[in-house]
Amino acid sequence: MLAKKHRFQGRRSIQRVYRAGQSRRGRMLSVRYLTTPKQPFRAAVVVSRKVHKSAVVRNRIRRRIYEILRADYAAQLDGVQVIVTVFDASLVALPAKELRRHIAHLFAKTQN
């Protein structure tokens, strides 16, 4: 789980990223991001019921992505607000290394 300072506070801050942010889409997930100087890295993971009916599976996907964001990006991306949206339930069976590589590829696109 991300530290409280790295989580969004309220609906307005998430809506700001959706309205003003830029988006990069991969095969299984998309990253919407907004650069906001003087603010900490913030992240949210969205896994809708369309991805999988089971809340257990959706939460497992969400926890795996949060852990990658916490370990790899929370310290280095100050001033960036990120929303990761999942489209494919096959992320559950994806090995951690491959999931990490897929997320890193999308984050590399955001740097360009």
N, C-alpha and C. Protein backbone atom coordinates (compact mmCIF):
# COMPACT_ATOMS: atom_id res chain seq x y z
N MET A 1 0.84 -1.18 0.00
CA MET A 1 0.00 0.00 0.00
C MET A 1 0.88 1.24 0.00
N LEU A 2 0.43 2.23 -0.66
CA LEU A 2 1.15 3.49 -0.70
C LEU A 2 0.97 4.26 0.61
N ALA A 3 1.95 5.05 0.95
CA ALA A 3 1.83 5.93 2.11
C ALA A 3 0.72 6.94 1.85
N LYS A 4 0.14 7.46 2.90
CA LYS A 4 -1.00 8.37 2.76
C LYS A 4 -0.67 9.59 1.90
N LYS A 5 0.56 10.10 2.01
CA LYS A 5 0.91 11.28 1.21
C LYS A 5 1.00 10.97 -0.28
N HIS A 6 1.07 9.68 -0.65
CA HIS A 6 1.14 9.28 -2.05
C HIS A 6 -0.21 8.84 -2.61
N ARG A 7 -1.27 8.99 -1.83
CA ARG A 7 -2.61 8.64 -2.29
C ARG A 7 -3.41 9.91 -2.57
N PHE A 8 -4.38 9.80 -3.45
CA PHE A 8 -5.24 10.94 -3.75
C PHE A 8 -6.18 11.20 -2.59
N GLN A 9 -6.49 12.47 -2.38
CA GLN A 9 -7.41 12.88 -1.32
C GLN A 9 -8.66 13.47 -1.98
N GLY A 10 -9.72 12.73 -2.03
CA GLY A 10 -10.97 13.23 -2.57
C GLY A 10 -11.11 13.06 -4.07
N ARG A 11 -12.31 13.25 -4.51
CA ARG A 11 -12.66 13.04 -5.91
C ARG A 11 -12.12 14.14 -6.82
N ARG A 12 -12.05 15.37 -6.32
CA ARG A 12 -11.62 16.49 -7.17
C ARG A 12 -10.20 16.32 -7.69
N SER A 13 -9.30 15.83 -6.86
CA SER A 13 -7.92 15.67 -7.30
C SER A 13 -7.81 14.61 -8.39
N ILE A 14 -8.63 13.58 -8.32
CA ILE A 14 -8.63 12.55 -9.37
C ILE A 14 -9.24 13.13 -10.64
N GLN A 15 -10.32 13.88 -10.51
CA GLN A 15 -10.96 14.49 -11.69
C GLN A 15 -10.01 15.44 -12.40
N ARG A 16 -9.18 16.14 -11.65
CA ARG A 16 -8.21 17.05 -12.25
C ARG A 16 -7.24 16.29 -13.16
N VAL A 17 -6.81 15.12 -12.74
CA VAL A 17 -5.91 14.31 -13.56
C VAL A 17 -6.64 13.82 -14.81
N TYR A 18 -7.88 13.38 -14.66
CA TYR A 18 -8.65 12.92 -15.82
C TYR A 18 -8.89 14.06 -16.82
N ARG A 19 -9.15 15.26 -16.34
CA ARG A 19 -9.45 16.37 -17.25
C ARG A 19 -8.20 16.96 -17.89
N ALA A 20 -7.18 17.23 -17.10
CA ALA A 20 -6.02 17.98 -17.59
C ALA A 20 -4.82 17.10 -17.91
N GLY A 21 -4.86 15.84 -17.53
CA GLY A 21 -3.69 14.98 -17.69
C GLY A 21 -3.54 14.42 -19.09
N GLN A 22 -2.40 13.82 -19.31
CA GLN A 22 -2.11 13.14 -20.57
C GLN A 22 -2.22 11.64 -20.35
N SER A 23 -2.36 10.90 -21.45
CA SER A 23 -2.60 9.47 -21.32
C SER A 23 -1.67 8.67 -22.22
N ARG A 24 -1.26 7.52 -21.72
CA ARG A 24 -0.50 6.54 -22.50
C ARG A 24 -1.18 5.20 -22.27
N ARG A 25 -1.41 4.48 -23.36
CA ARG A 25 -2.13 3.22 -23.24
C ARG A 25 -1.28 2.07 -23.74
N GLY A 26 -1.30 1.00 -22.97
CA GLY A 26 -0.66 -0.24 -23.36
C GLY A 26 -1.72 -1.27 -23.70
N ARG A 27 -1.29 -2.51 -23.84
CA ARG A 27 -2.21 -3.57 -24.21
C ARG A 27 -3.17 -3.93 -23.07
N MET A 28 -2.66 -3.91 -21.83
CA MET A 28 -3.46 -4.35 -20.70
C MET A 28 -3.89 -3.24 -19.75
N LEU A 29 -3.20 -2.11 -19.82
CA LEU A 29 -3.53 -1.01 -18.92
C LEU A 29 -3.13 0.31 -19.52
N SER A 30 -3.65 1.39 -18.93
CA SER A 30 -3.29 2.72 -19.38
C SER A 30 -2.83 3.54 -18.18
N VAL A 31 -2.03 4.55 -18.47
CA VAL A 31 -1.53 5.45 -17.45
C VAL A 31 -1.96 6.86 -17.83
N ARG A 32 -2.68 7.51 -16.95
CA ARG A 32 -3.04 8.92 -17.13
C ARG A 32 -2.25 9.68 -16.08
N TYR A 33 -1.56 10.73 -16.50
CA TYR A 33 -0.66 11.43 -15.59
C TYR A 33 -0.75 12.93 -15.77
N LEU A 34 -0.43 13.64 -14.70
CA LEU A 34 -0.42 15.09 -14.69
C LEU A 34 0.78 15.54 -13.87
N THR A 35 1.58 16.42 -14.44
CA THR A 35 2.74 16.95 -13.72
C THR A 35 2.31 18.17 -12.92
N THR A 36 2.55 18.12 -11.62
CA THR A 36 2.19 19.21 -10.71
C THR A 36 3.38 19.49 -9.81
N PRO A 37 4.17 20.50 -10.13
CA PRO A 37 5.34 20.81 -9.31
C PRO A 37 4.94 21.13 -7.86
N LYS A 38 5.85 20.91 -6.97
CA LYS A 38 5.69 21.21 -5.54
C LYS A 38 4.65 20.32 -4.86
N GLN A 39 4.30 19.21 -5.47
CA GLN A 39 3.41 18.25 -4.83
C GLN A 39 4.06 16.87 -4.87
N PRO A 40 3.75 16.02 -3.92
CA PRO A 40 4.36 14.68 -3.93
C PRO A 40 3.76 13.81 -5.02
N PHE A 41 4.44 12.72 -5.31
CA PHE A 41 3.92 11.70 -6.21
C PHE A 41 2.63 11.16 -5.62
N ARG A 42 1.60 11.08 -6.46
CA ARG A 42 0.32 10.51 -6.04
C ARG A 42 -0.11 9.49 -7.07
N ALA A 43 -0.74 8.41 -6.61
CA ALA A 43 -1.15 7.36 -7.53
C ALA A 43 -2.48 6.75 -7.11
N ALA A 44 -3.21 6.28 -8.11
CA ALA A 44 -4.44 5.52 -7.90
C ALA A 44 -4.49 4.42 -8.95
N VAL A 45 -5.10 3.31 -8.59
CA VAL A 45 -5.26 2.19 -9.52
C VAL A 45 -6.75 1.92 -9.64
N VAL A 46 -7.24 1.88 -10.88
CA VAL A 46 -8.66 1.67 -11.15
C VAL A 46 -8.82 0.33 -11.85
N VAL A 47 -9.59 -0.56 -11.23
CA VAL A 47 -9.91 -1.87 -11.81
C VAL A 47 -11.42 -2.01 -11.75
N SER A 48 -12.08 -1.88 -12.89
CA SER A 48 -13.55 -1.88 -12.88
C SER A 48 -14.10 -3.30 -12.82
N ARG A 49 -15.38 -3.39 -12.59
CA ARG A 49 -16.04 -4.68 -12.53
C ARG A 49 -16.07 -5.36 -13.90
N LYS A 50 -15.90 -4.59 -14.96
CA LYS A 50 -15.84 -5.18 -16.30
C LYS A 50 -14.61 -6.07 -16.45
N VAL A 51 -13.55 -5.76 -15.72
CA VAL A 51 -12.31 -6.53 -15.81
C VAL A 51 -12.53 -7.93 -15.24
N HIS A 52 -13.12 -8.00 -14.06
CA HIS A 52 -13.41 -9.30 -13.43
C HIS A 52 -14.55 -9.11 -12.44
N LYS A 53 -15.44 -10.08 -12.38
CA LYS A 53 -16.59 -9.96 -11.47
C LYS A 53 -16.18 -10.06 -10.01
N SER A 54 -15.16 -10.84 -9.74
CA SER A 54 -14.77 -11.11 -8.36
C SER A 54 -13.98 -9.95 -7.76
N ALA A 55 -14.43 -9.45 -6.63
CA ALA A 55 -13.72 -8.38 -5.94
C ALA A 55 -12.36 -8.85 -5.46
N VAL A 56 -12.25 -10.12 -5.13
CA VAL A 56 -10.97 -10.68 -4.68
C VAL A 56 -9.92 -10.55 -5.77
N VAL A 57 -10.30 -10.88 -6.99
CA VAL A 57 -9.36 -10.80 -8.12
C VAL A 57 -9.03 -9.35 -8.43
N ARG A 58 -10.04 -8.48 -8.43
CA ARG A 58 -9.79 -7.06 -8.69
C ARG A 58 -8.84 -6.47 -7.65
N ASN A 59 -9.05 -6.80 -6.39
CA ASN A 59 -8.17 -6.29 -5.34
C ASN A 59 -6.76 -6.85 -5.45
N ARG A 60 -6.63 -8.09 -5.87
CA ARG A 60 -5.30 -8.68 -6.06
C ARG A 60 -4.54 -7.93 -7.15
N ILE A 61 -5.22 -7.62 -8.25
CA ILE A 61 -4.59 -6.84 -9.33
C ILE A 61 -4.18 -5.47 -8.79
N ARG A 62 -5.09 -4.83 -8.08
CA ARG A 62 -4.83 -3.50 -7.54
C ARG A 62 -3.64 -3.51 -6.59
N ARG A 63 -3.56 -4.48 -5.70
CA ARG A 63 -2.45 -4.56 -4.74
C ARG A 63 -1.11 -4.80 -5.43
N ARG A 64 -1.11 -5.63 -6.47
CA ARG A 64 0.15 -5.89 -7.19
C ARG A 64 0.67 -4.62 -7.84
N ILE A 65 -0.22 -3.85 -8.45
CA ILE A 65 0.21 -2.62 -9.12
C ILE A 65 0.63 -1.56 -8.10
N TYR A 66 -0.11 -1.45 -7.00
CA TYR A 66 0.28 -0.50 -5.95
C TYR A 66 1.68 -0.81 -5.42
N GLU A 67 1.99 -2.08 -5.25
CA GLU A 67 3.31 -2.46 -4.73
C GLU A 67 4.42 -2.05 -5.71
N ILE A 68 4.19 -2.24 -6.99
CA ILE A 68 5.18 -1.82 -7.99
C ILE A 68 5.35 -0.31 -7.97
N LEU A 69 4.25 0.42 -7.89
CA LEU A 69 4.33 1.88 -7.83
C LEU A 69 5.07 2.34 -6.58
N ARG A 70 4.78 1.71 -5.45
CA ARG A 70 5.44 2.09 -4.19
C ARG A 70 6.94 1.81 -4.25
N ALA A 71 7.30 0.64 -4.72
CA ALA A 71 8.70 0.22 -4.70
C ALA A 71 9.55 0.95 -5.74
N ASP A 72 8.98 1.18 -6.92
CA ASP A 72 9.79 1.68 -8.03
C ASP A 72 9.65 3.17 -8.32
N TYR A 73 8.50 3.77 -8.04
CA TYR A 73 8.25 5.12 -8.53
C TYR A 73 7.96 6.17 -7.47
N ALA A 74 7.50 5.79 -6.30
CA ALA A 74 7.08 6.78 -5.29
C ALA A 74 8.20 7.73 -4.91
N ALA A 75 9.42 7.25 -4.85
CA ALA A 75 10.54 8.09 -4.42
C ALA A 75 11.09 8.96 -5.54
N GLN A 76 10.96 8.52 -6.78
CA GLN A 76 11.62 9.24 -7.87
C GLN A 76 10.73 10.15 -8.70
N LEU A 77 9.44 10.08 -8.56
CA LEU A 77 8.55 10.87 -9.42
C LEU A 77 7.82 11.96 -8.64
N ASP A 78 8.52 12.77 -7.89
CA ASP A 78 7.87 13.88 -7.19
C ASP A 78 7.24 14.84 -8.20
N GLY A 79 6.06 15.32 -7.89
CA GLY A 79 5.39 16.27 -8.77
C GLY A 79 4.59 15.63 -9.87
N VAL A 80 4.39 14.31 -9.82
CA VAL A 80 3.61 13.62 -10.85
C VAL A 80 2.43 12.93 -10.17
N GLN A 81 1.25 13.09 -10.76
CA GLN A 81 0.06 12.41 -10.28
C GLN A 81 -0.35 11.40 -11.34
N VAL A 82 -0.57 10.16 -10.94
CA VAL A 82 -0.76 9.06 -11.87
C VAL A 82 -2.03 8.29 -11.53
N ILE A 83 -2.79 7.93 -12.57
CA ILE A 83 -3.91 7.01 -12.42
C ILE A 83 -3.68 5.86 -13.40
N VAL A 84 -3.59 4.65 -12.87
CA VAL A 84 -3.40 3.46 -13.69
C VAL A 84 -4.75 2.78 -13.81
N THR A 85 -5.20 2.57 -15.05
CA THR A 85 -6.48 1.91 -15.31
C THR A 85 -6.22 0.57 -15.96
N VAL A 86 -6.78 -0.49 -15.39
CA VAL A 86 -6.56 -1.85 -15.87
C VAL A 86 -7.70 -2.24 -16.80
N PHE A 87 -7.34 -2.90 -17.93
CA PHE A 87 -8.34 -3.33 -18.90
C PHE A 87 -8.44 -4.84 -19.04
N ASP A 88 -7.46 -5.58 -18.53
CA ASP A 88 -7.36 -7.00 -18.82
C ASP A 88 -7.16 -7.79 -17.53
N ALA A 89 -7.99 -8.79 -17.31
CA ALA A 89 -7.90 -9.61 -16.10
C ALA A 89 -6.71 -10.55 -16.13
N SER A 90 -6.06 -10.70 -17.26
CA SER A 90 -4.91 -11.61 -17.34
C SER A 90 -3.72 -11.09 -16.54
N LEU A 91 -3.80 -9.88 -16.02
CA LEU A 91 -2.73 -9.36 -15.16
C LEU A 91 -2.58 -10.18 -13.89
N VAL A 92 -3.63 -10.89 -13.49
CA VAL A 92 -3.56 -11.72 -12.29
C VAL A 92 -2.53 -12.82 -12.47
N ALA A 93 -2.51 -13.45 -13.63
CA ALA A 93 -1.62 -14.57 -13.88
C ALA A 93 -0.26 -14.14 -14.40
N LEU A 94 -0.09 -12.88 -14.70
CA LEU A 94 1.17 -12.38 -15.24
C LEU A 94 2.25 -12.41 -14.16
N PRO A 95 3.43 -12.93 -14.48
CA PRO A 95 4.52 -12.92 -13.50
C PRO A 95 4.88 -11.49 -13.10
N ALA A 96 5.33 -11.32 -11.88
CA ALA A 96 5.63 -9.99 -11.34
C ALA A 96 6.66 -9.26 -12.19
N LYS A 97 7.65 -9.98 -12.66
CA LYS A 97 8.71 -9.35 -13.46
C LYS A 97 8.15 -8.78 -14.77
N GLU A 98 7.25 -9.53 -15.39
CA GLU A 98 6.66 -9.07 -16.65
C GLU A 98 5.70 -7.90 -16.41
N LEU A 99 4.94 -7.96 -15.34
CA LEU A 99 4.05 -6.85 -15.00
C LEU A 99 4.86 -5.58 -14.73
N ARG A 100 5.96 -5.73 -14.01
CA ARG A 100 6.84 -4.59 -13.71
C ARG A 100 7.41 -4.01 -15.01
N ARG A 101 7.79 -4.87 -15.95
CA ARG A 101 8.33 -4.42 -17.23
C ARG A 101 7.26 -3.68 -18.03
N HIS A 102 6.04 -4.19 -18.01
CA HIS A 102 4.94 -3.56 -18.74
C HIS A 102 4.65 -2.16 -18.19
N ILE A 103 4.63 -2.02 -16.87
CA ILE A 103 4.39 -0.72 -16.25
C ILE A 103 5.56 0.22 -16.53
N ALA A 104 6.79 -0.30 -16.47
CA ALA A 104 7.97 0.52 -16.75
C ALA A 104 7.94 1.04 -18.18
N HIS A 105 7.46 0.22 -19.11
CA HIS A 105 7.36 0.65 -20.51
C HIS A 105 6.39 1.83 -20.65
N LEU A 106 5.25 1.76 -19.96
CA LEU A 106 4.29 2.87 -20.02
C LEU A 106 4.84 4.12 -19.35
N PHE A 107 5.54 3.96 -18.24
CA PHE A 107 6.12 5.12 -17.57
C PHE A 107 7.24 5.73 -18.41
N ALA A 108 7.96 4.91 -19.17
CA ALA A 108 8.99 5.45 -20.06
C ALA A 108 8.35 6.29 -21.16
N LYS A 109 7.17 5.89 -21.62
CA LYS A 109 6.44 6.68 -22.63
C LYS A 109 6.05 8.05 -22.06
N THR A 110 5.76 8.11 -20.77
CA THR A 110 5.34 9.38 -20.18
C THR A 110 6.49 10.36 -20.08
N GLN A 111 7.71 9.87 -20.04
CA GLN A 111 8.88 10.74 -19.93
C GLN A 111 9.18 11.44 -21.25
N ASN A 112 8.70 10.88 -22.36
CA ASN A 112 8.97 11.47 -23.69
C ASN A 112 8.07 12.61 -24.01
